[in-house]
Amino acid sequence: MPPSDAGFFSSAKHLRLGLGPALASGSVAGYPIDLRVKATSYALPATDGGDYVALAQYGLGCFERHLAGDGERWLEAAANAGHFLLERQRPDGSWLNTRPMRHTFPLKAPWRCGMAHGQAASLLVRLYQSSGDERYAEAARRGLVALSRPSGEGGVRATLDGQPWPEEYPTAPPSFVLNGAIFAWWGVHDVAVGLDDDHAHEAFRQGVTSLLANLHRFDTGSWSLYSLYPHPFAGVASSFYHALHISQLEAMNVLAPAPELLRMRERWLAYERSPALRAKAFARKALFRIVVPRNRLLGERLPWTRP
């Protein structure tokens, strides 16, 4: 999820994303994380510059409201988001961001976002199941192509210790954002289960293997990391993202049960409950933001990157 979504230090007190209320194993009806907070009106969010994460999350939030019994208008709103995705998808299956990344991670336009592709696929599969419109199914499958193509070749796939890792931000060197990768893998899961796609089934299996093999890298011993990008200081998660990581591990355990997921969830939950560790994480995040400011002038080079 984009690091600017939840405010400066992204306090979990004000916005916490828990498990989707309709989440169930072997189903793609309910989304793993409750995104209803992303759908506050029937109007599509602005997507100037290609913010497809916001669009897909809005659509998923609308669909979740429809499942919760809030009315058919929410399904129509979700379909409007799906139609927009159909219209903007490139021939190679991509949705392109047309503005450079202005903070935290150095990216020139145009660029692809693995999280956006995964969440768009999740929305399109649900719209296919509710309507039977094959255009949604085909677009969902094509949207996963970027997840299997290396970042340097027009895709968003990196490799972490020999395992595939979908990049929310396909930087060089790779950023390895945890929450974005999990959201991307959920899109693969939904294509696998919702469309009974053999290739997606295998890709999701590989994704779970990668997550289990590398999850320990995001544990500092006192908090979770937002990413593994080689900033001057480790990119610890804000309180919002730390809480989101906890919810994501719990949700992933519903889709692909594994004791490693629950063990790490319990560790991170214990960190969150410790006032001392919360204060330590806040101080580390404050130092990180001093060295790696969020807002930068367009075209300004990040000081620790190569010219």
Protein backbone atom coordinates (compact mmCIF):
# COMPACT_ATOMS: atom_id res chain seq x y z
CA MET A 1 0.00 0.00 0.00
CA PRO A 2 1.39 3.45 -0.82
CA PRO A 3 3.27 4.86 2.18
CA SER A 4 1.45 8.20 1.90
CA ASP A 5 -2.06 6.79 2.38
CA ALA A 6 -2.28 6.88 6.15
CA GLY A 7 -0.66 10.16 7.15
CA PHE A 8 2.81 11.23 8.29
CA PHE A 9 3.45 8.55 10.89
CA SER A 10 0.34 6.61 9.85
CA SER A 11 -1.19 6.04 13.26
CA ALA A 12 -3.08 2.77 13.58
CA LYS A 13 -5.35 4.44 16.14
CA HIS A 14 -7.10 6.40 13.42
CA LEU A 15 -7.24 3.89 10.56
CA ARG A 16 -6.88 0.18 11.11
CA LEU A 17 -7.65 -2.31 8.36
CA GLY A 18 -8.84 -5.60 9.81
CA LEU A 19 -9.90 -8.85 8.20
CA GLY A 20 -12.64 -8.75 5.61
CA PRO A 21 -15.92 -9.82 7.22
CA ALA A 22 -16.73 -12.23 4.37
CA LEU A 23 -13.27 -13.80 4.08
CA ALA A 24 -13.43 -17.58 3.69
CA SER A 25 -11.03 -20.29 2.58
CA GLY A 26 -11.56 -21.52 -0.96
CA SER A 27 -13.63 -18.48 -1.94
CA VAL A 28 -13.06 -15.10 -3.57
CA ALA A 29 -16.29 -13.46 -2.43
CA GLY A 30 -14.97 -11.58 0.58
CA TYR A 31 -11.63 -9.76 0.26
CA PRO A 32 -9.00 -10.71 2.87
CA ILE A 33 -8.76 -7.14 4.25
CA ASP A 34 -11.81 -4.99 4.93
CA LEU A 35 -11.54 -2.12 2.44
CA ARG A 36 -14.99 -0.62 2.98
CA VAL A 37 -13.27 2.45 4.43
CA LYS A 38 -11.92 3.08 0.92
CA ALA A 39 -15.47 3.37 -0.50
CA THR A 40 -17.16 6.41 1.02
CA SER A 41 -19.24 7.48 -1.99
CA TYR A 42 -20.52 6.18 -5.30
CA ALA A 43 -18.13 8.43 -7.25
CA LEU A 44 -14.91 7.00 -8.69
CA PRO A 45 -11.74 8.36 -7.04
CA ALA A 46 -9.43 10.57 -9.08
CA THR A 47 -6.85 8.53 -10.96
CA ASP A 48 -4.81 11.36 -12.45
CA GLY A 49 -1.38 9.94 -13.20
CA GLY A 50 -2.59 6.37 -12.94
CA ASP A 51 -3.26 5.71 -9.24
CA TYR A 52 -4.68 2.26 -9.88
CA VAL A 53 -4.18 1.15 -6.29
CA ALA A 54 -6.73 3.73 -5.13
CA LEU A 55 -9.11 2.72 -7.93
CA ALA A 56 -8.85 -1.02 -7.25
CA GLN A 57 -9.21 -0.55 -3.50
CA TYR A 58 -12.24 1.64 -4.05
CA GLY A 59 -13.81 -1.06 -6.23
CA LEU A 60 -13.04 -3.78 -3.71
CA GLY A 61 -14.46 -1.63 -0.92
CA CYS A 62 -17.64 -1.10 -2.93
CA PHE A 63 -17.93 -4.83 -3.58
CA GLU A 64 -17.45 -5.52 0.12
CA ARG A 65 -20.26 -3.08 0.94
CA HIS A 66 -22.48 -4.90 -1.54
CA LEU A 67 -21.69 -8.23 0.12
CA ALA A 68 -22.52 -6.68 3.49
CA GLY A 69 -26.03 -5.89 2.25
CA ASP A 70 -25.59 -2.14 1.78
CA GLY A 71 -27.37 -2.18 -1.58
CA GLU A 72 -27.06 -2.79 -5.32
CA ARG A 73 -25.67 0.68 -5.94
CA TRP A 74 -22.39 -0.45 -4.40
CA LEU A 75 -22.15 -3.28 -6.91
CA GLU A 76 -22.76 -0.75 -9.69
CA ALA A 77 -20.01 1.45 -8.27
CA ALA A 78 -17.63 -1.54 -8.17
CA ALA A 79 -18.51 -2.28 -11.79
CA ASN A 80 -17.74 1.34 -12.72
CA ALA A 81 -14.26 0.88 -11.29
CA GLY A 82 -13.93 -2.37 -13.22
CA HIS A 83 -14.97 -0.72 -16.48
CA PHE A 84 -12.34 1.96 -15.93
CA LEU A 85 -9.71 -0.74 -15.47
CA LEU A 86 -10.82 -2.47 -18.67
CA GLU A 87 -10.53 0.79 -20.61
CA ARG A 88 -7.09 1.68 -19.24
CA GLN A 89 -5.41 -1.74 -19.46
CA ARG A 90 -2.56 -1.81 -21.97
CA PRO A 91 -2.27 -4.56 -24.62
CA ASP A 92 0.39 -6.30 -22.53
CA GLY A 93 -1.97 -6.41 -19.54
CA SER A 94 -0.34 -3.51 -17.70
CA TRP A 95 -1.78 -0.52 -15.92
CA LEU A 96 0.85 2.22 -16.08
CA ASN A 97 1.54 4.97 -13.59
CA THR A 98 2.29 8.05 -15.68
CA ARG A 99 3.83 10.15 -12.92
CA PRO A 100 7.19 9.53 -11.25
CA MET A 101 7.41 8.39 -7.65
CA ARG A 102 8.17 11.57 -5.70
CA HIS A 103 9.08 10.12 -2.33
CA THR A 104 10.78 7.23 -0.56
CA PHE A 105 11.50 5.13 -3.66
CA PRO A 106 13.17 6.44 -6.86
CA LEU A 107 10.96 5.66 -9.87
CA LYS A 108 10.66 7.45 -13.19
CA ALA A 109 7.44 7.43 -15.19
CA PRO A 110 5.98 5.32 -16.59
CA TRP A 111 6.11 2.48 -14.10
CA ARG A 112 4.02 -0.51 -13.06
CA CYS A 113 2.86 -1.34 -9.56
CA GLY A 114 2.61 -5.00 -8.57
CA MET A 115 0.13 -4.23 -5.83
CA ALA A 116 -2.15 -2.42 -8.27
CA HIS A 117 -2.06 -5.37 -10.67
CA GLY A 118 -2.92 -7.82 -7.90
CA GLN A 119 -5.76 -5.78 -6.45
CA ALA A 120 -7.14 -4.98 -9.89
CA ALA A 121 -7.18 -8.71 -10.66
CA SER A 122 -8.98 -9.36 -7.36
CA LEU A 123 -11.69 -6.85 -8.27
CA LEU A 124 -12.06 -8.11 -11.84
CA VAL A 125 -12.46 -11.73 -10.74
CA ARG A 126 -15.27 -10.72 -8.38
CA LEU A 127 -17.00 -8.73 -11.11
CA TYR A 128 -16.69 -11.71 -13.45
CA GLN A 129 -18.29 -13.99 -10.90
CA SER A 130 -21.15 -11.58 -10.29
CA SER A 131 -21.81 -10.79 -13.97
CA GLY A 132 -20.43 -13.64 -16.10
CA ASP A 133 -18.77 -11.03 -18.34
CA GLU A 134 -15.71 -12.75 -19.82
CA ARG A 135 -13.97 -9.42 -20.34
CA TYR A 136 -13.35 -9.24 -16.61
CA ALA A 137 -11.86 -12.72 -16.48
CA GLU A 138 -9.56 -12.09 -19.44
CA ALA A 139 -8.39 -8.75 -18.04
CA ALA A 140 -7.69 -10.35 -14.65
CA ARG A 141 -5.53 -13.05 -16.24
CA ARG A 142 -3.64 -10.53 -18.39
CA GLY A 143 -3.12 -8.32 -15.37
CA LEU A 144 -1.03 -11.05 -13.73
CA VAL A 145 1.48 -11.17 -16.59
CA ALA A 146 3.48 -8.29 -15.11
CA LEU A 147 3.83 -10.21 -11.84
CA SER A 148 5.73 -13.00 -13.60
CA ARG A 149 7.94 -10.71 -15.73
CA PRO A 150 11.20 -9.29 -14.28
CA SER A 151 11.17 -5.63 -13.33
CA GLY A 152 13.89 -4.83 -15.84
CA GLU A 153 11.82 -6.35 -18.64
CA GLY A 154 8.57 -4.45 -18.25
CA GLY A 155 7.24 -6.40 -15.28
CA VAL A 156 7.34 -6.11 -11.50
CA ARG A 157 8.99 -9.37 -10.39
CA ALA A 158 12.13 -9.31 -8.28
CA THR A 159 13.95 -12.21 -6.64
CA LEU A 160 14.60 -12.49 -2.91
CA ASP A 161 16.97 -15.28 -1.92
CA GLY A 162 16.05 -17.16 -5.08
CA GLN A 163 12.29 -16.74 -4.56
CA PRO A 164 9.91 -14.59 -6.65
CA TRP A 165 8.75 -11.33 -5.08
CA PRO A 166 6.19 -9.00 -6.71
CA GLU A 167 7.28 -5.39 -6.38
CA GLU A 168 4.85 -2.67 -5.35
CA TYR A 169 7.62 -0.30 -6.42
CA PRO A 170 9.89 -1.95 -9.05
CA THR A 171 13.06 -0.10 -8.09
CA ALA A 172 16.71 -0.91 -8.74
CA PRO A 173 17.85 -2.24 -6.33
CA PRO A 174 14.55 -3.93 -5.41
CA SER A 175 12.46 -2.42 -2.63
CA PHE A 176 10.73 -5.61 -1.40
CA VAL A 177 7.68 -3.94 0.19
CA LEU A 178 5.92 -6.50 2.37
CA ASN A 179 2.30 -5.37 2.35
CA GLY A 180 2.33 -4.70 -1.40
CA ALA A 181 3.66 -8.17 -2.19
CA ILE A 182 0.96 -9.83 -0.09
CA PHE A 183 -1.77 -7.81 -1.80
CA ALA A 184 -0.30 -8.83 -5.17
CA TRP A 185 -0.26 -12.51 -4.20
CA TRP A 186 -3.92 -12.27 -3.20
CA GLY A 187 -4.70 -11.24 -6.76
CA VAL A 188 -2.93 -14.38 -7.96
CA HIS A 189 -4.93 -16.42 -5.46
CA ASP A 190 -8.21 -14.96 -6.68
CA VAL A 191 -7.45 -15.73 -10.32
CA ALA A 192 -6.41 -19.25 -9.31
CA VAL A 193 -9.54 -19.98 -7.27
CA GLY A 194 -12.10 -17.76 -8.98
CA LEU A 195 -11.11 -18.68 -12.54
CA ASP A 196 -9.72 -22.17 -11.80
CA ASP A 197 -6.47 -21.16 -13.47
CA ASP A 198 -3.69 -23.76 -13.17
CA HIS A 199 -0.88 -21.30 -13.86
CA ALA A 200 -2.16 -18.97 -11.15
CA HIS A 201 -2.48 -21.89 -8.70
CA GLU A 202 1.23 -22.64 -9.17
CA ALA A 203 2.20 -18.98 -9.00
CA PHE A 204 0.31 -18.57 -5.72
CA ARG A 205 1.97 -21.67 -4.30
CA GLN A 206 5.37 -20.20 -5.19
CA GLY A 207 4.32 -16.89 -3.65
CA VAL A 208 3.41 -18.50 -0.34
CA THR A 209 6.71 -20.38 -0.36
CA SER A 210 8.55 -17.11 -0.95
CA LEU A 211 6.68 -15.35 1.85
CA LEU A 212 7.37 -18.10 4.36
CA ALA A 213 11.05 -18.27 3.38
CA ASN A 214 11.59 -14.52 3.66
CA LEU A 215 9.19 -13.34 6.34
CA HIS A 216 11.94 -13.34 8.97
CA ARG A 217 13.76 -10.60 7.04
CA PHE A 218 11.01 -8.15 7.98
CA ASP A 219 11.34 -8.77 11.72
CA THR A 220 13.76 -6.44 13.53
CA GLY A 221 13.29 -8.15 16.88
CA SER A 222 11.16 -5.24 18.09
CA TRP A 223 9.01 -4.20 15.11
CA SER A 224 8.29 -5.02 11.45
CA LEU A 225 9.91 -3.43 8.41
CA TYR A 226 7.91 -1.72 5.69
CA SER A 227 10.46 -2.70 3.03
CA LEU A 228 13.99 -4.01 2.54
CA TYR A 229 15.11 -1.15 0.29
CA PRO A 230 18.70 -0.12 1.20
CA HIS A 231 17.89 3.32 2.61
CA PRO A 232 20.48 4.91 4.92
CA PHE A 233 18.28 3.73 7.80
CA ALA A 234 16.04 0.68 7.91
CA GLY A 235 12.52 1.43 6.74
CA VAL A 236 10.54 0.39 9.80
CA ALA A 237 6.79 0.22 9.40
CA SER A 238 4.60 2.95 10.79
CA SER A 239 2.07 1.90 13.41
CA PHE A 240 -0.55 1.68 10.64
CA TYR A 241 1.54 -0.62 8.46
CA HIS A 242 2.70 -2.72 11.39
CA ALA A 243 -0.96 -3.31 12.25
CA LEU A 244 -1.72 -4.03 8.59
CA HIS A 245 1.09 -6.63 8.50
CA ILE A 246 -0.52 -8.35 11.48
CA SER A 247 -3.91 -8.43 9.75
CA GLN A 248 -2.37 -9.63 6.49
CA LEU A 249 -0.62 -12.57 8.13
CA GLU A 250 -3.85 -13.60 9.81
CA ALA A 251 -5.74 -13.34 6.53
CA MET A 252 -3.06 -15.20 4.58
CA ASN A 253 -3.29 -18.01 7.11
CA VAL A 254 -6.96 -18.41 6.16
CA LEU A 255 -6.05 -18.76 2.49
CA ALA A 256 -2.87 -20.81 2.94
CA PRO A 257 -2.54 -22.05 6.53
CA ALA A 258 1.02 -22.22 7.85
CA PRO A 259 2.31 -22.13 11.44
CA GLU A 260 5.06 -19.66 10.41
CA LEU A 261 2.41 -17.06 9.61
CA LEU A 262 0.73 -17.32 13.00
CA ARG A 263 4.04 -17.36 14.89
CA MET A 264 5.18 -14.14 13.24
CA ARG A 265 1.76 -12.59 13.72
CA GLU A 266 1.98 -13.29 17.45
CA ARG A 267 5.50 -11.80 17.62
CA TRP A 268 4.40 -8.63 15.87
CA LEU A 269 1.25 -8.40 17.96
CA ALA A 270 3.40 -8.60 21.10
CA TYR A 271 5.60 -5.77 19.80
CA GLU A 272 2.50 -3.65 19.15
CA ARG A 273 1.20 -4.20 22.67
CA SER A 274 4.47 -2.99 24.25
CA PRO A 275 4.49 0.77 24.99
CA ALA A 276 8.30 0.74 25.02
CA LEU A 277 8.57 -0.94 21.62
CA ARG A 278 5.92 1.35 20.15
CA ALA A 279 7.92 4.36 21.33
CA LYS A 280 11.13 2.89 19.94
CA ALA A 281 9.50 2.26 16.57
CA PHE A 282 8.12 5.80 16.48
CA ALA A 283 11.57 7.24 17.17
CA ARG A 284 13.12 5.10 14.43
CA LYS A 285 10.40 6.16 12.00
CA ALA A 286 10.95 9.82 12.87
CA LEU A 287 14.67 9.48 12.20
CA PHE A 288 13.96 7.70 8.92
CA ARG A 289 11.66 10.51 7.77
CA ILE A 290 14.27 13.14 8.60
CA VAL A 291 16.80 11.37 6.40
CA VAL A 292 14.29 10.17 3.80
CA PRO A 293 11.70 12.98 3.56
CA ARG A 294 8.34 12.04 2.11
CA ASN A 295 7.76 14.97 -0.22
CA ARG A 296 10.44 15.88 -2.74
CA LEU A 297 10.56 18.22 -5.69
CA LEU A 298 9.68 16.62 -9.01
CA GLY A 299 12.83 15.37 -10.65
CA GLU A 300 14.98 15.80 -7.52
CA ARG A 301 17.39 12.91 -7.12
CA LEU A 302 17.27 10.99 -3.86
CA PRO A 303 20.66 11.64 -2.22
CA TRP A 304 21.65 8.01 -1.62
CA THR A 305 20.93 6.86 -5.17
CA ARG A 306 23.28 6.80 -8.12
CA PRO A 307 23.05 9.64 -10.69
